[in-house]
Amino acid sequence: MKDKATGKLVEQTPFRFYEYSDISFPHKFRSNSNYMVTFDTAINGDPIYQGNPMVASFDLFLGKPPLGIHFDRAVLVYGLPTAIIVPIGIA
């Protein structure tokens, strides 16, 4: 995991064999920031993915929500009235 602003490596978990697919990597964040999380995995015994790991990356934003409103509240404040008003306007 890297801090997107600085590119600094924040956390790295070493490769190891996990017997089951349900795994977790607990981490306590020290600051609100934007992070890039990259997950590399190889499938033991698979001729394709054992030597060529699968990679998934995603952005992780920690801090105040954009516009100061949480997603669930934004849906109620903006989405619900829009879902009611637009069909009435079309009719």
PDB file of N, CA and C in Angstrom:
ATOM      1  N   MET A   1       0.846  -1.151   0.000  1.00  0.00           N
ATOM      2  CA  MET A   1       0.000   0.000   0.000  1.00  0.00           C
ATOM      3  C   MET A   1       0.900   1.225   0.000  1.00  0.00           C
ATOM      4  N   LYS A   2       0.580   2.187  -0.886  1.00  0.00           N
ATOM      5  CA  LYS A   2       1.377   3.407  -1.000  1.00  0.00           C
ATOM      6  C   LYS A   2       0.498   4.624  -0.777  1.00  0.00           C
ATOM      7  N   ASP A   3       1.109   5.673  -0.246  1.00  0.00           N
ATOM      8  CA  ASP A   3       0.454   6.969  -0.158  1.00  0.00           C
ATOM      9  C   ASP A   3       0.493   7.575  -1.553  1.00  0.00           C
ATOM     10  N   LYS A   4      -0.656   7.934  -2.105  1.00  0.00           N
ATOM     11  CA  LYS A   4      -0.690   8.448  -3.478  1.00  0.00           C
ATOM     12  C   LYS A   4      -0.005   9.795  -3.604  1.00  0.00           C
ATOM     13  N   ALA A   5      -0.057  10.619  -2.573  1.00  0.00           N
ATOM     14  CA  ALA A   5       0.538  11.950  -2.651  1.00  0.00           C
ATOM     15  C   ALA A   5       2.060  11.897  -2.686  1.00  0.00           C
ATOM     16  N   THR A   6       2.640  11.033  -1.879  1.00  0.00           N
ATOM     17  CA  THR A   6       4.106  10.992  -1.772  1.00  0.00           C
ATOM     18  C   THR A   6       4.725   9.815  -2.516  1.00  0.00           C
ATOM     19  N   GLY A   7       3.926   8.782  -2.813  1.00  0.00           N
ATOM     20  CA  GLY A   7       4.461   7.574  -3.430  1.00  0.00           C
ATOM     21  C   GLY A   7       5.192   6.682  -2.440  1.00  0.00           C
ATOM     22  N   LYS A   8       5.155   7.073  -1.159  1.00  0.00           N
ATOM     23  CA  LYS A   8       5.864   6.337  -0.115  1.00  0.00           C
ATOM     24  C   LYS A   8       5.123   5.045   0.230  1.00  0.00           C
ATOM     25  N   LEU A   9       5.885   3.967   0.350  1.00  0.00           N
ATOM     26  CA  LEU A   9       5.336   2.679   0.751  1.00  0.00           C
ATOM     27  C   LEU A   9       4.914   2.764   2.210  1.00  0.00           C
ATOM     28  N   VAL A  10       3.631   2.473   2.478  1.00  0.00           N
ATOM     29  CA  VAL A  10       3.085   2.573   3.831  1.00  0.00           C
ATOM     30  C   VAL A  10       3.055   1.214   4.502  1.00  0.00           C
ATOM     31  N   GLU A  11       2.713   0.187   3.747  1.00  0.00           N
ATOM     32  CA  GLU A  11       2.587  -1.163   4.304  1.00  0.00           C
ATOM     33  C   GLU A  11       2.879  -2.171   3.213  1.00  0.00           C
ATOM     34  N   GLN A  12       3.587  -3.223   3.562  1.00  0.00           N
ATOM     35  CA  GLN A  12       3.830  -4.318   2.636  1.00  0.00           C
ATOM     36  C   GLN A  12       3.782  -5.620   3.420  1.00  0.00           C
ATOM     37  N   THR A  13       2.933  -6.504   2.981  1.00  0.00           N
ATOM     38  CA  THR A  13       2.812  -7.812   3.611  1.00  0.00           C
ATOM     39  C   THR A  13       3.596  -8.807   2.764  1.00  0.00           C
ATOM     40  N   PRO A  14       4.493  -9.565   3.360  1.00  0.00           N
ATOM     41  CA  PRO A  14       5.293 -10.508   2.571  1.00  0.00           C
ATOM     42  C   PRO A  14       4.437 -11.641   1.998  1.00  0.00           C
ATOM     43  N   PHE A  15       4.887 -12.164   0.865  1.00  0.00           N
ATOM     44  CA  PHE A  15       4.209 -13.314   0.262  1.00  0.00           C
ATOM     45  C   PHE A  15       4.265 -14.497   1.201  1.00  0.00           C
ATOM     46  N   ARG A  16       3.155 -15.213   1.302  1.00  0.00           N
ATOM     47  CA  ARG A  16       3.129 -16.477   2.018  1.00  0.00           C
ATOM     48  C   ARG A  16       1.952 -17.281   1.521  1.00  0.00           C
ATOM     49  N   PHE A  17       1.964 -18.559   1.776  1.00  0.00           N
ATOM     50  CA  PHE A  17       0.906 -19.457   1.324  1.00  0.00           C
ATOM     51  C   PHE A  17      -0.268 -19.390   2.294  1.00  0.00           C
ATOM     52  N   TYR A  18      -1.461 -19.163   1.754  1.00  0.00           N
ATOM     53  CA  TYR A  18      -2.695 -19.188   2.533  1.00  0.00           C
ATOM     54  C   TYR A  18      -3.514 -20.375   2.056  1.00  0.00           C
ATOM     55  N   GLU A  19      -3.959 -21.176   2.987  1.00  0.00           N
ATOM     56  CA  GLU A  19      -4.688 -22.391   2.637  1.00  0.00           C
ATOM     57  C   GLU A  19      -6.119 -22.102   2.191  1.00  0.00           C
ATOM     58  N   TYR A  20      -6.703 -21.032   2.683  1.00  0.00           N
ATOM     59  CA  TYR A  20      -8.091 -20.697   2.365  1.00  0.00           C
ATOM     60  C   TYR A  20      -8.150 -19.370   1.625  1.00  0.00           C
ATOM     61  N   SER A  21      -9.257 -19.119   0.951  1.00  0.00           N
ATOM     62  CA  SER A  21      -9.386 -17.893   0.165  1.00  0.00           C
ATOM     63  C   SER A  21      -9.829 -16.696   0.992  1.00  0.00           C
ATOM     64  N   ASP A  22     -10.446 -16.911   2.149  1.00  0.00           N
ATOM     65  CA  ASP A  22     -10.888 -15.795   2.979  1.00  0.00           C
ATOM     66  C   ASP A  22      -9.752 -15.355   3.881  1.00  0.00           C
ATOM     67  N   ILE A  23      -9.120 -14.237   3.522  1.00  0.00           N
ATOM     68  CA  ILE A  23      -7.993 -13.727   4.300  1.00  0.00           C
ATOM     69  C   ILE A  23      -8.217 -12.246   4.565  1.00  0.00           C
ATOM     70  N   SER A  24      -7.526 -11.722   5.548  1.00  0.00           N
ATOM     71  CA  SER A  24      -7.599 -10.289   5.825  1.00  0.00           C
ATOM     72  C   SER A  24      -6.212  -9.791   6.216  1.00  0.00           C
ATOM     73  N   PHE A  25      -6.009  -8.518   6.010  1.00  0.00           N
ATOM     74  CA  PHE A  25      -4.747  -7.873   6.336  1.00  0.00           C
ATOM     75  C   PHE A  25      -5.056  -6.631   7.167  1.00  0.00           C
ATOM     76  N   PRO A  26      -5.160  -6.779   8.490  1.00  0.00           N
ATOM     77  CA  PRO A  26      -5.491  -5.617   9.322  1.00  0.00           C
ATOM     78  C   PRO A  26      -4.386  -4.559   9.274  1.00  0.00           C
ATOM     79  N   HIS A  27      -4.807  -3.308   9.251  1.00  0.00           N
ATOM     80  CA  HIS A  27      -3.849  -2.204   9.227  1.00  0.00           C
ATOM     81  C   HIS A  27      -4.481  -1.003   9.917  1.00  0.00           C
ATOM     82  N   LYS A  28      -3.757  -0.344  10.791  1.00  0.00           N
ATOM     83  CA  LYS A  28      -4.232   0.861  11.443  1.00  0.00           C
ATOM     84  C   LYS A  28      -3.633   2.057  10.714  1.00  0.00           C
ATOM     85  N   PHE A  29      -4.497   2.875  10.119  1.00  0.00           N
ATOM     86  CA  PHE A  29      -4.040   4.035   9.376  1.00  0.00           C
ATOM     87  C   PHE A  29      -3.694   5.160  10.338  1.00  0.00           C
ATOM     88  N   ARG A  30      -2.577   5.812  10.081  1.00  0.00           N
ATOM     89  CA  ARG A  30      -2.098   6.875  10.961  1.00  0.00           C
ATOM     90  C   ARG A  30      -2.565   8.256  10.525  1.00  0.00           C
ATOM     91  N   SER A  31      -2.992   8.384   9.265  1.00  0.00           N
ATOM     92  CA  SER A  31      -3.432   9.698   8.789  1.00  0.00           C
ATOM     93  C   SER A  31      -4.473   9.545   7.693  1.00  0.00           C
ATOM     94  N   ASN A  32      -5.259  10.591   7.527  1.00  0.00           N
ATOM     95  CA  ASN A  32      -6.217  10.630   6.435  1.00  0.00           C
ATOM     96  C   ASN A  32      -5.472  11.001   5.170  1.00  0.00           C
ATOM     97  N   SER A  33      -5.632  10.201   4.139  1.00  0.00           N
ATOM     98  CA  SER A  33      -4.912  10.437   2.896  1.00  0.00           C
ATOM     99  C   SER A  33      -5.535   9.598   1.796  1.00  0.00           C
ATOM    100  N   ASN A  34      -4.981   9.710   0.604  1.00  0.00           N
ATOM    101  CA  ASN A  34      -5.346   8.841  -0.512  1.00  0.00           C
ATOM    102  C   ASN A  34      -4.283   7.772  -0.628  1.00  0.00           C
ATOM    103  N   TYR A  35      -4.712   6.531  -0.767  1.00  0.00           N
ATOM    104  CA  TYR A  35      -3.784   5.410  -0.855  1.00  0.00           C
ATOM    105  C   TYR A  35      -4.043   4.612  -2.122  1.00  0.00           C
ATOM    106  N   MET A  36      -3.009   3.937  -2.596  1.00  0.00           N
ATOM    107  CA  MET A  36      -3.122   2.982  -3.691  1.00  0.00           C
ATOM    108  C   MET A  36      -2.829   1.622  -3.091  1.00  0.00           C
ATOM    109  N   VAL A  37      -3.815   0.739  -3.129  1.00  0.00           N
ATOM    110  CA  VAL A  37      -3.665  -0.602  -2.586  1.00  0.00           C
ATOM    111  C   VAL A  37      -3.489  -1.561  -3.757  1.00  0.00           C
ATOM    112  N   THR A  38      -2.444  -2.360  -3.719  1.00  0.00           N
ATOM    113  CA  THR A  38      -2.184  -3.339  -4.772  1.00  0.00           C
ATOM    114  C   THR A  38      -2.117  -4.713  -4.134  1.00  0.00           C
ATOM    115  N   PHE A  39      -2.845  -5.635  -4.718  1.00  0.00           N
ATOM    116  CA  PHE A  39      -2.898  -7.007  -4.212  1.00  0.00           C
ATOM    117  C   PHE A  39      -2.360  -7.930  -5.290  1.00  0.00           C
ATOM    118  N   ASP A  40      -1.268  -8.617  -5.002  1.00  0.00           N
ATOM    119  CA  ASP A  40      -0.668  -9.601  -5.917  1.00  0.00           C
ATOM    120  C   ASP A  40      -0.936 -10.980  -5.352  1.00  0.00           C
ATOM    121  N   THR A  41      -1.362 -11.887  -6.204  1.00  0.00           N
ATOM    122  CA  THR A  41      -1.584 -13.250  -5.735  1.00  0.00           C
ATOM    123  C   THR A  41      -1.187 -14.261  -6.805  1.00  0.00           C
ATOM    124  N   ALA A  42      -0.628 -15.331  -6.348  1.00  0.00           N
ATOM    125  CA  ALA A  42      -0.276 -16.450  -7.224  1.00  0.00           C
ATOM    126  C   ALA A  42      -1.052 -17.669  -6.751  1.00  0.00           C
ATOM    127  N   ILE A  43      -1.409 -18.535  -7.667  1.00  0.00           N
ATOM    128  CA  ILE A  43      -2.149 -19.743  -7.314  1.00  0.00           C
ATOM    129  C   ILE A  43      -1.174 -20.906  -7.325  1.00  0.00           C
ATOM    130  N   ASN A  44      -0.919 -21.454  -6.152  1.00  0.00           N
ATOM    131  CA  ASN A  44       0.032 -22.537  -6.009  1.00  0.00           C
ATOM    132  C   ASN A  44      -0.435 -23.758  -6.811  1.00  0.00           C
ATOM    133  N   GLY A  45       0.442 -24.286  -7.628  1.00  0.00           N
ATOM    134  CA  GLY A  45       0.137 -25.468  -8.412  1.00  0.00           C
ATOM    135  C   GLY A  45      -0.510 -25.178  -9.757  1.00  0.00           C
ATOM    136  N   ASP A  46      -0.864 -23.922 -10.026  1.00  0.00           N
ATOM    137  CA  ASP A  46      -1.455 -23.555 -11.319  1.00  0.00           C
ATOM    138  C   ASP A  46      -0.328 -23.191 -12.276  1.00  0.00           C
ATOM    139  N   PRO A  47      -0.238 -23.839 -13.435  1.00  0.00           N
ATOM    140  CA  PRO A  47       0.891 -23.593 -14.334  1.00  0.00           C
ATOM    141  C   PRO A  47       0.950 -22.158 -14.868  1.00  0.00           C
ATOM    142  N   ILE A  48      -0.176 -21.488 -14.966  1.00  0.00           N
ATOM    143  CA  ILE A  48      -0.179 -20.116 -15.480  1.00  0.00           C
ATOM    144  C   ILE A  48       0.074 -19.102 -14.372  1.00  0.00           C
ATOM    145  N   TYR A  49      -0.685 -19.181 -13.291  1.00  0.00           N
ATOM    146  CA  TYR A  49      -0.652 -18.136 -12.264  1.00  0.00           C
ATOM    147  C   TYR A  49       0.363 -18.366 -11.155  1.00  0.00           C
ATOM    148  N   GLN A  50       1.043 -19.498 -11.134  1.00  0.00           N
ATOM    149  CA  GLN A  50       2.065 -19.707 -10.121  1.00  0.00           C
ATOM    150  C   GLN A  50       3.281 -18.826 -10.399  1.00  0.00           C
ATOM    151  N   GLY A  51       3.665 -18.704 -11.662  1.00  0.00           N
ATOM    152  CA  GLY A  51       4.830 -17.893 -12.018  1.00  0.00           C
ATOM    153  C   GLY A  51       4.481 -16.496 -12.465  1.00  0.00           C
ATOM    154  N   ASN A  52       3.215 -16.240 -12.767  1.00  0.00           N
ATOM    155  CA  ASN A  52       2.761 -14.940 -13.244  1.00  0.00           C
ATOM    156  C   ASN A  52       1.603 -14.480 -12.362  1.00  0.00           C
ATOM    157  N   PRO A  53       1.880 -13.746 -11.284  1.00  0.00           N
ATOM    158  CA  PRO A  53       0.827 -13.400 -10.325  1.00  0.00           C
ATOM    159  C   PRO A  53      -0.278 -12.539 -10.931  1.00  0.00           C
ATOM    160  N   MET A  54      -1.480 -12.704 -10.388  1.00  0.00           N
ATOM    161  CA  MET A  54      -2.604 -11.835 -10.736  1.00  0.00           C
ATOM    162  C   MET A  54      -2.468 -10.580  -9.877  1.00  0.00           C
ATOM    163  N   VAL A  55      -2.766  -9.429 -10.460  1.00  0.00           N
ATOM    164  CA  VAL A  55      -2.608  -8.161  -9.758  1.00  0.00           C
ATOM    165  C   VAL A  55      -3.927  -7.394  -9.802  1.00  0.00           C
ATOM    166  N   ALA A  56      -4.349  -6.877  -8.645  1.00  0.00           N
ATOM    167  CA  ALA A  56      -5.525  -6.010  -8.555  1.00  0.00           C
ATOM    168  C   ALA A  56      -5.123  -4.773  -7.770  1.00  0.00           C
ATOM    169  N   SER A  57      -5.464  -3.600  -8.291  1.00  0.00           N
ATOM    170  CA  SER A  57      -5.144  -2.346  -7.616  1.00  0.00           C
ATOM    171  C   SER A  57      -6.406  -1.515  -7.481  1.00  0.00           C
ATOM    172  N   PHE A  58      -6.496  -0.761  -6.390  1.00  0.00           N
ATOM    173  CA  PHE A  58      -7.615   0.145  -6.219  1.00  0.00           C
ATOM    174  C   PHE A  58      -7.209   1.309  -5.328  1.00  0.00           C
ATOM    175  N   ASP A  59      -7.919   2.429  -5.478  1.00  0.00           N
ATOM    176  CA  ASP A  59      -7.688   3.605  -4.664  1.00  0.00           C
ATOM    177  C   ASP A  59      -8.481   3.480  -3.377  1.00  0.00           C
ATOM    178  N   LEU A  60      -7.919   3.978  -2.298  1.00  0.00           N
ATOM    179  CA  LEU A  60      -8.571   3.976  -1.001  1.00  0.00           C
ATOM    180  C   LEU A  60      -8.450   5.380  -0.430  1.00  0.00           C
ATOM    181  N   PHE A  61      -9.586   6.050  -0.226  1.00  0.00           N
ATOM    182  CA  PHE A  61      -9.605   7.402   0.303  1.00  0.00           C
ATOM    183  C   PHE A  61     -10.035   7.363   1.757  1.00  0.00           C
ATOM    184  N   LEU A  62      -9.229   7.961   2.628  1.00  0.00           N
ATOM    185  CA  LEU A  62      -9.568   8.071   4.047  1.00  0.00           C
ATOM    186  C   LEU A  62      -9.630   9.544   4.411  1.00  0.00           C
ATOM    187  N   GLY A  63     -10.669   9.935   5.073  1.00  0.00           N
ATOM    188  CA  GLY A  63     -10.805  11.317   5.491  1.00  0.00           C
ATOM    189  C   GLY A  63     -12.244  11.753   5.402  1.00  0.00           C
ATOM    190  N   LYS A  64     -12.440  13.053   5.386  1.00  0.00           N
ATOM    191  CA  LYS A  64     -13.784  13.588   5.264  1.00  0.00           C
ATOM    192  C   LYS A  64     -14.329  13.257   3.891  1.00  0.00           C
ATOM    193  N   PRO A  65     -15.605  12.888   3.813  1.00  0.00           N
ATOM    194  CA  PRO A  65     -16.177  12.559   2.511  1.00  0.00           C
ATOM    195  C   PRO A  65     -16.237  13.791   1.616  1.00  0.00           C
ATOM    196  N   PRO A  66     -16.195  13.599   0.298  1.00  0.00           N
ATOM    197  CA  PRO A  66     -16.293  14.737  -0.622  1.00  0.00           C
ATOM    198  C   PRO A  66     -17.573  15.529  -0.355  1.00  0.00           C
ATOM    199  N   LEU A  67     -17.497  16.806  -0.425  1.00  0.00           N
ATOM    200  CA  LEU A  67     -18.609  17.724  -0.193  1.00  0.00           C
ATOM    201  C   LEU A  67     -19.133  17.657   1.238  1.00  0.00           C
ATOM    202  N   GLY A  68     -18.412  16.989   2.129  1.00  0.00           N
ATOM    203  CA  GLY A  68     -18.794  16.940   3.526  1.00  0.00           C
ATOM    204  C   GLY A  68     -20.038  16.124   3.822  1.00  0.00           C
ATOM    205  N   ILE A  69     -20.458  15.261   2.903  1.00  0.00           N
ATOM    206  CA  ILE A  69     -21.661  14.460   3.117  1.00  0.00           C
ATOM    207  C   ILE A  69     -21.360  13.007   2.797  1.00  0.00           C
ATOM    208  N   HIS A  70     -21.799  12.100   3.645  1.00  0.00           N
ATOM    209  CA  HIS A  70     -21.572  10.676   3.436  1.00  0.00           C
ATOM    210  C   HIS A  70     -22.458  10.162   2.307  1.00  0.00           C
ATOM    211  N   PHE A  71     -22.034   9.076   1.676  1.00  0.00           N
ATOM    212  CA  PHE A  71     -22.738   8.536   0.521  1.00  0.00           C
ATOM    213  C   PHE A  71     -24.192   8.198   0.835  1.00  0.00           C
ATOM    214  N   ASP A  72     -24.443   7.528   1.966  1.00  0.00           N
ATOM    215  CA  ASP A  72     -25.820   7.136   2.276  1.00  0.00           C
ATOM    216  C   ASP A  72     -26.721   8.352   2.468  1.00  0.00           C
ATOM    217  N   ARG A  73     -26.181   9.412   3.059  1.00  0.00           N
ATOM    218  CA  ARG A  73     -26.970  10.637   3.206  1.00  0.00           C
ATOM    219  C   ARG A  73     -27.138  11.346   1.880  1.00  0.00           C
ATOM    220  N   ALA A  74     -26.128  11.319   1.030  1.00  0.00           N
ATOM    221  CA  ALA A  74     -26.229  11.947  -0.288  1.00  0.00           C
ATOM    222  C   ALA A  74     -27.316  11.292  -1.116  1.00  0.00           C
ATOM    223  N   VAL A  75     -27.455   9.972  -0.999  1.00  0.00           N
ATOM    224  CA  VAL A  75     -28.512   9.274  -1.728  1.00  0.00           C
ATOM    225  C   VAL A  75     -29.874   9.755  -1.256  1.00  0.00           C
ATOM    226  N   LEU A  76     -30.025   9.901   0.054  1.00  0.00           N
ATOM    227  CA  LEU A  76     -31.310  10.374   0.585  1.00  0.00           C
ATOM    228  C   LEU A  76     -31.592  11.825   0.211  1.00  0.00           C
ATOM    229  N   VAL A  77     -30.573  12.673   0.283  1.00  0.00           N
ATOM    230  CA  VAL A  77     -30.761  14.098   0.028  1.00  0.00           C
ATOM    231  C   VAL A  77     -30.935  14.404  -1.452  1.00  0.00           C
ATOM    232  N   TYR A  78     -30.142  13.747  -2.316  1.00  0.00           N
ATOM    233  CA  TYR A  78     -30.179  14.056  -3.741  1.00  0.00           C
ATOM    234  C   TYR A  78     -30.887  12.993  -4.577  1.00  0.00           C
ATOM    235  N   GLY A  79     -30.639  11.738  -4.263  1.00  0.00           N
ATOM    236  CA  GLY A  79     -31.182  10.658  -5.086  1.00  0.00           C
ATOM    237  C   GLY A  79     -32.669  10.461  -4.948  1.00  0.00           C
ATOM    238  N   LEU A  80     -33.169  10.451  -3.730  1.00  0.00           N
ATOM    239  CA  LEU A  80     -34.593  10.213  -3.505  1.00  0.00           C
ATOM    240  C   LEU A  80     -35.462  11.300  -4.126  1.00  0.00           C
ATOM    241  N   PRO A  81     -35.194  12.593  -3.887  1.00  0.00           N
ATOM    242  CA  PRO A  81     -36.013  13.611  -4.549  1.00  0.00           C
ATOM    243  C   PRO A  81     -35.932  13.552  -6.074  1.00  0.00           C
ATOM    244  N   THR A  82     -34.755  13.249  -6.609  1.00  0.00           N
ATOM    245  CA  THR A  82     -34.601  13.139  -8.053  1.00  0.00           C
ATOM    246  C   THR A  82     -35.436  11.971  -8.593  1.00  0.00           C
ATOM    247  N   ALA A  83     -35.431  10.866  -7.858  1.00  0.00           N
ATOM    248  CA  ALA A  83     -36.192   9.695  -8.293  1.00  0.00           C
ATOM    249  C   ALA A  83     -37.694   9.977  -8.273  1.00  0.00           C
ATOM    250  N   ILE A  84     -38.128  10.910  -7.466  1.00  0.00           N
ATOM    251  CA  ILE A  84     -39.569  11.255  -7.399  1.00  0.00           C
ATOM    252  C   ILE A  84     -39.911  12.348  -8.398  1.00  0.00           C
ATOM    253  N   ILE A  85     -39.092  13.386  -8.484  1.00  0.00           N
ATOM    254  CA  ILE A  85     -39.396  14.565  -9.307  1.00  0.00           C
ATOM    255  C   ILE A  85     -39.259  14.294 -10.796  1.00  0.00           C
ATOM    256  N   VAL A  86     -38.238  13.567 -11.213  1.00  0.00           N
ATOM    257  CA  VAL A  86     -38.002  13.340 -12.646  1.00  0.00           C
ATOM    258  C   VAL A  86     -39.169  12.605 -13.301  1.00  0.00           C
ATOM    259  N   PRO A  87     -39.678  11.511 -12.749  1.00  0.00           N
ATOM    260  CA  PRO A  87     -40.829  10.864 -13.397  1.00  0.00           C
ATOM    261  C   PRO A  87     -42.078  11.758 -13.449  1.00  0.00           C
ATOM    262  N   ILE A  88     -42.285  12.579 -12.433  1.00  0.00           N
ATOM    263  CA  ILE A  88     -43.432  13.496 -12.441  1.00  0.00           C
ATOM    264  C   ILE A  88     -43.245  14.537 -13.542  1.00  0.00           C
ATOM    265  N   GLY A  89     -42.020  15.032 -13.678  1.00  0.00           N
ATOM    266  CA  GLY A  89     -41.735  16.013 -14.737  1.00  0.00           C
ATOM    267  C   GLY A  89     -41.904  15.435 -16.131  1.00  0.00           C
ATOM    268  N   ILE A  90     -41.529  14.175 -16.290  1.00  0.00           N
ATOM    269  CA  ILE A  90     -41.666  13.524 -17.601  1.00  0.00           C
ATOM    270  C   ILE A  90     -43.147  13.299 -17.928  1.00  0.00           C
ATOM    271  N   ALA A  91     -43.911  12.929 -16.911  1.00  0.00           N
ATOM    272  CA  ALA A  91     -45.343  12.661 -17.116  1.00  0.00           C
ATOM    273  C   ALA A  91     -46.053  13.956 -17.445  1.00  0.00           C
TER     274      ALA A  91
END
